[in-house]
C-alpha atoms as a PDB file:
ATOM      1  CA  CYS A   1     -73.325 131.807   2.915  1.00  0.00           C
ATOM      2  CA  LEU A   2     -73.960 132.281  -0.775  1.00  0.00           C
ATOM      3  CA  ILE A   3     -77.410 131.111  -2.068  1.00  0.00           C
ATOM      4  CA  ALA A   4     -77.677 128.357  -4.634  1.00  0.00           C
ATOM      5  CA  ASP A   5     -80.173 128.767  -7.512  1.00  0.00           C
ATOM      6  CA  SER A   6     -80.398 132.504  -6.771  1.00  0.00           C
ATOM      7  CA  GLU A   7     -81.427 134.852  -9.524  1.00  0.00           C
ATOM      8  CA  ARG A   8     -78.524 137.090  -8.704  1.00  0.00           C
ATOM      9  CA  PRO A   9     -75.272 136.151 -10.560  1.00  0.00           C
ATOM     10  CA  LEU A  10     -72.139 135.708  -8.557  1.00  0.00           C
ATOM     11  CA  ILE A  11     -68.437 136.376  -9.180  1.00  0.00           C
ATOM     12  CA  LEU A  12     -65.911 133.710  -8.414  1.00  0.00           C
ATOM     13  CA  ARG A  13     -62.165 133.803  -8.815  1.00  0.00           C
ATOM     14  CA  GLY A  14     -59.856 130.925  -8.967  1.00  0.00           C
ATOM     15  CA  ILE A  15     -57.772 128.530 -11.045  1.00  0.00           C
ATOM     16  CA  VAL A  16     -59.142 126.353 -13.690  1.00  0.00           C
ATOM     17  CA  GLU A  17     -58.316 122.529 -13.880  1.00  0.00           C
ATOM     18  CA  TYR A  18     -59.375 119.800 -16.168  1.00  0.00           C
ATOM     19  CA  HIS A  19     -60.322 116.541 -14.440  1.00  0.00           C
ATOM     20  CA  HIS A  20     -60.186 113.248 -16.439  1.00  0.00           C
ATOM     21  CA  GLU A  21     -62.661 110.976 -14.652  1.00  0.00           C
ATOM     22  CA  PRO A  22     -61.603 107.288 -14.727  1.00  0.00           C
ATOM     23  CA  GLY A  23     -63.828 105.278 -16.863  1.00  0.00           C
ATOM     24  CA  ALA A  24     -65.775 108.261 -18.219  1.00  0.00           C
ATOM     25  CA  PRO A  25     -65.391 109.341 -21.810  1.00  0.00           C
ATOM     26  CA  GLY A  26     -65.302 113.086 -21.093  1.00  0.00           C
ATOM     27  CA  VAL A  27     -63.427 115.673 -19.076  1.00  0.00           C
ATOM     28  CA  SER A  28     -64.889 117.988 -16.457  1.00  0.00           C
ATOM     29  CA  LEU A  29     -63.771 121.468 -15.678  1.00  0.00           C
ATOM     30  CA  VAL A  30     -63.206 122.517 -12.152  1.00  0.00           C
ATOM     31  CA  LEU A  31     -62.622 125.872 -10.575  1.00  0.00           C
ATOM     32  CA  HIS A  32     -60.308 125.786  -7.528  1.00  0.00           C
ATOM     33  CA  LEU A  33     -61.341 128.951  -5.626  1.00  0.00           C
ATOM     34  CA  GLU A  34     -59.106 131.639  -4.213  1.00  0.00           C
ATOM     35  CA  SER A  35     -60.673 131.258  -0.875  1.00  0.00           C
ATOM     36  CA  PRO A  36     -63.376 128.873   0.427  1.00  0.00           C
ATOM     37  CA  ILE A  37     -66.963 129.696   0.408  1.00  0.00           C
ATOM     38  CA  CYS A  38     -70.214 128.510   2.048  1.00  0.00           C
ATOM     39  CA  ILE A  39     -73.295 127.692  -0.081  1.00  0.00           C
ATOM     40  CA  GLN A  40     -76.739 126.970   1.164  1.00  0.00           C
ATOM     41  CA  GLY A  41     -80.112 126.494  -0.553  1.00  0.00           C
ATOM     42  CA  VAL A  42     -82.788 123.769  -1.483  1.00  0.00           C
ATOM     43  CA  LYS A  43     -81.852 120.602  -3.365  1.00  0.00           C
ATOM     44  CA  TYR A  44     -83.931 119.801  -6.594  1.00  0.00           C
ATOM     45  CA  GLY A  45     -86.791 118.019  -4.680  1.00  0.00           C
ATOM     46  CA  GLY A  46     -87.146 120.306  -1.813  1.00  0.00           C
ATOM     47  CA  GLN A  47     -84.586 119.282   0.812  1.00  0.00           C
ATOM     48  CA  GLN A  48     -82.484 122.021   2.527  1.00  0.00           C
ATOM     49  CA  PHE A  49     -78.642 121.828   2.316  1.00  0.00           C
ATOM     50  CA  LYS A  50     -75.681 123.835   3.488  1.00  0.00           C
ATOM     51  CA  ARG A  51     -71.945 123.099   2.575  1.00  0.00           C
ATOM     52  CA  GLU A  52     -69.248 125.071   4.240  1.00  0.00           C
ATOM     53  CA  ALA A  53     -65.516 125.515   3.301  1.00  0.00           C
ATOM     54  CA  ILE A  54     -66.011 124.603  -0.429  1.00  0.00           C
ATOM     55  CA  SER A  55     -62.631 125.036  -2.082  1.00  0.00           C
ATOM     56  CA  SER A  56     -63.524 123.841  -5.713  1.00  0.00           C
ATOM     57  CA  ILE A  57     -66.598 123.672  -7.735  1.00  0.00           C
ATOM     58  CA  GLN A  58     -67.410 122.093 -11.096  1.00  0.00           C
ATOM     59  CA  LEU A  59     -68.005 124.511 -14.077  1.00  0.00           C
ATOM     60  CA  GLY A  60     -70.879 124.327 -16.538  1.00  0.00           C
ATOM     61  CA  ILE A  61     -69.951 126.169 -19.664  1.00  0.00           C
ATOM     62  CA  PRO A  62     -72.886 126.811 -22.190  1.00  0.00           C
ATOM     63  CA  ALA A  63     -72.062 126.057 -25.811  1.00  0.00           C
ATOM     64  CA  HIS A  64     -72.659 129.657 -26.980  1.00  0.00           C
ATOM     65  CA  LEU A  65     -69.717 131.012 -24.840  1.00  0.00           C
ATOM     66  CA  ASN A  66     -67.336 128.550 -26.695  1.00  0.00           C
ATOM     67  CA  LYS A  67     -64.529 129.514 -24.257  1.00  0.00           C
ATOM     68  CA  SER A  68     -61.664 127.103 -24.000  1.00  0.00           C
ATOM     69  CA  PHE A  69     -59.496 127.669 -20.678  1.00  0.00           C
ATOM     70  CA  ARG A  70     -55.881 126.633 -20.224  1.00  0.00           C
ATOM     71  CA  ASP A  71     -55.270 124.081 -17.567  1.00  0.00           C
ATOM     72  CA  GLY A  72     -54.001 126.174 -14.545  1.00  0.00           C
ATOM     73  CA  GLU A  73     -55.344 129.486 -15.881  1.00  0.00           C
ATOM     74  CA  HIS A  74     -56.270 132.074 -13.313  1.00  0.00           C
ATOM     75  CA  VAL A  75     -59.868 133.397 -14.071  1.00  0.00           C
ATOM     76  CA  VAL A  76     -62.652 135.648 -12.889  1.00  0.00           C
ATOM     77  CA  LEU A  77     -66.032 134.317 -13.824  1.00  0.00           C
ATOM     78  CA  ARG A  78     -69.777 135.578 -13.349  1.00  0.00           C
ATOM     79  CA  GLY A  79     -72.454 132.945 -13.136  1.00  0.00           C
ATOM     80  CA  LYS A  80     -74.850 131.069 -10.955  1.00  0.00           C
ATOM     81  CA  ILE A  81     -74.567 128.076  -8.455  1.00  0.00           C
ATOM     82  CA  GLY A  82     -76.929 125.316  -9.064  1.00  0.00           C
ATOM     83  CA  GLY A  83     -78.011 123.133  -6.119  1.00  0.00           C
ATOM     84  CA  PRO A  84     -77.426 119.365  -5.906  1.00  0.00           C
ATOM     85  CA  ALA A  85     -79.890 116.671  -7.069  1.00  0.00           C
ATOM     86  CA  ILE A  86     -82.052 115.267  -4.358  1.00  0.00           C
ATOM     87  CA  ASN A  87     -80.474 111.845  -4.630  1.00  0.00           C
ATOM     88  CA  ASP A  88     -76.781 113.030  -4.639  1.00  0.00           C
ATOM     89  CA  PRO A  89     -75.231 112.078  -1.368  1.00  0.00           C
ATOM     90  CA  ASN A  90     -72.173 114.230  -2.081  1.00  0.00           C
ATOM     91  CA  GLU A  91     -74.256 117.312  -2.730  1.00  0.00           C
ATOM     92  CA  ASN A  92     -72.246 118.250  -5.802  1.00  0.00           C
ATOM     93  CA  LEU A  93     -72.712 121.741  -6.913  1.00  0.00           C
ATOM     94  CA  THR A  94     -72.249 123.351 -10.411  1.00  0.00           C
ATOM     95  CA  PHE A  95     -71.180 126.976 -11.324  1.00  0.00           C
ATOM     96  CA  GLY A  96     -73.202 127.870 -14.417  1.00  0.00           C
ATOM     97  CA  LEU A  97     -70.904 130.270 -16.330  1.00  0.00           C
ATOM     98  CA  LEU A  98     -72.530 133.449 -17.703  1.00  0.00           C
ATOM     99  CA  GLU A  99     -69.440 135.397 -18.447  1.00  0.00           C
ATOM    100  CA  VAL A 100     -65.706 135.589 -18.325  1.00  0.00           C
ATOM    101  CA  LEU A 101     -64.502 138.790 -16.761  1.00  0.00           C
END
């Protein structure tokens, strides 16, 4: 398994898709991975978690990168996986983008 909140950046490959959330004002960006991954770590708050066969992950893009992706674009990204909040029953994870390769 890959480790969430590790100091070592990871490289993920996949296809970018924009998600329009019903009732929400914004749009989220999701990376559909080329092949499923396993992620484990510690939730914010201290509880252990492990998620297997993850096929997509939400992207977090810092403002300074100012990169706009095309829907359906194939990408290679370097970044870090952030663990879920302690009160998140779905254990949602975010891939914090550091660089587009």
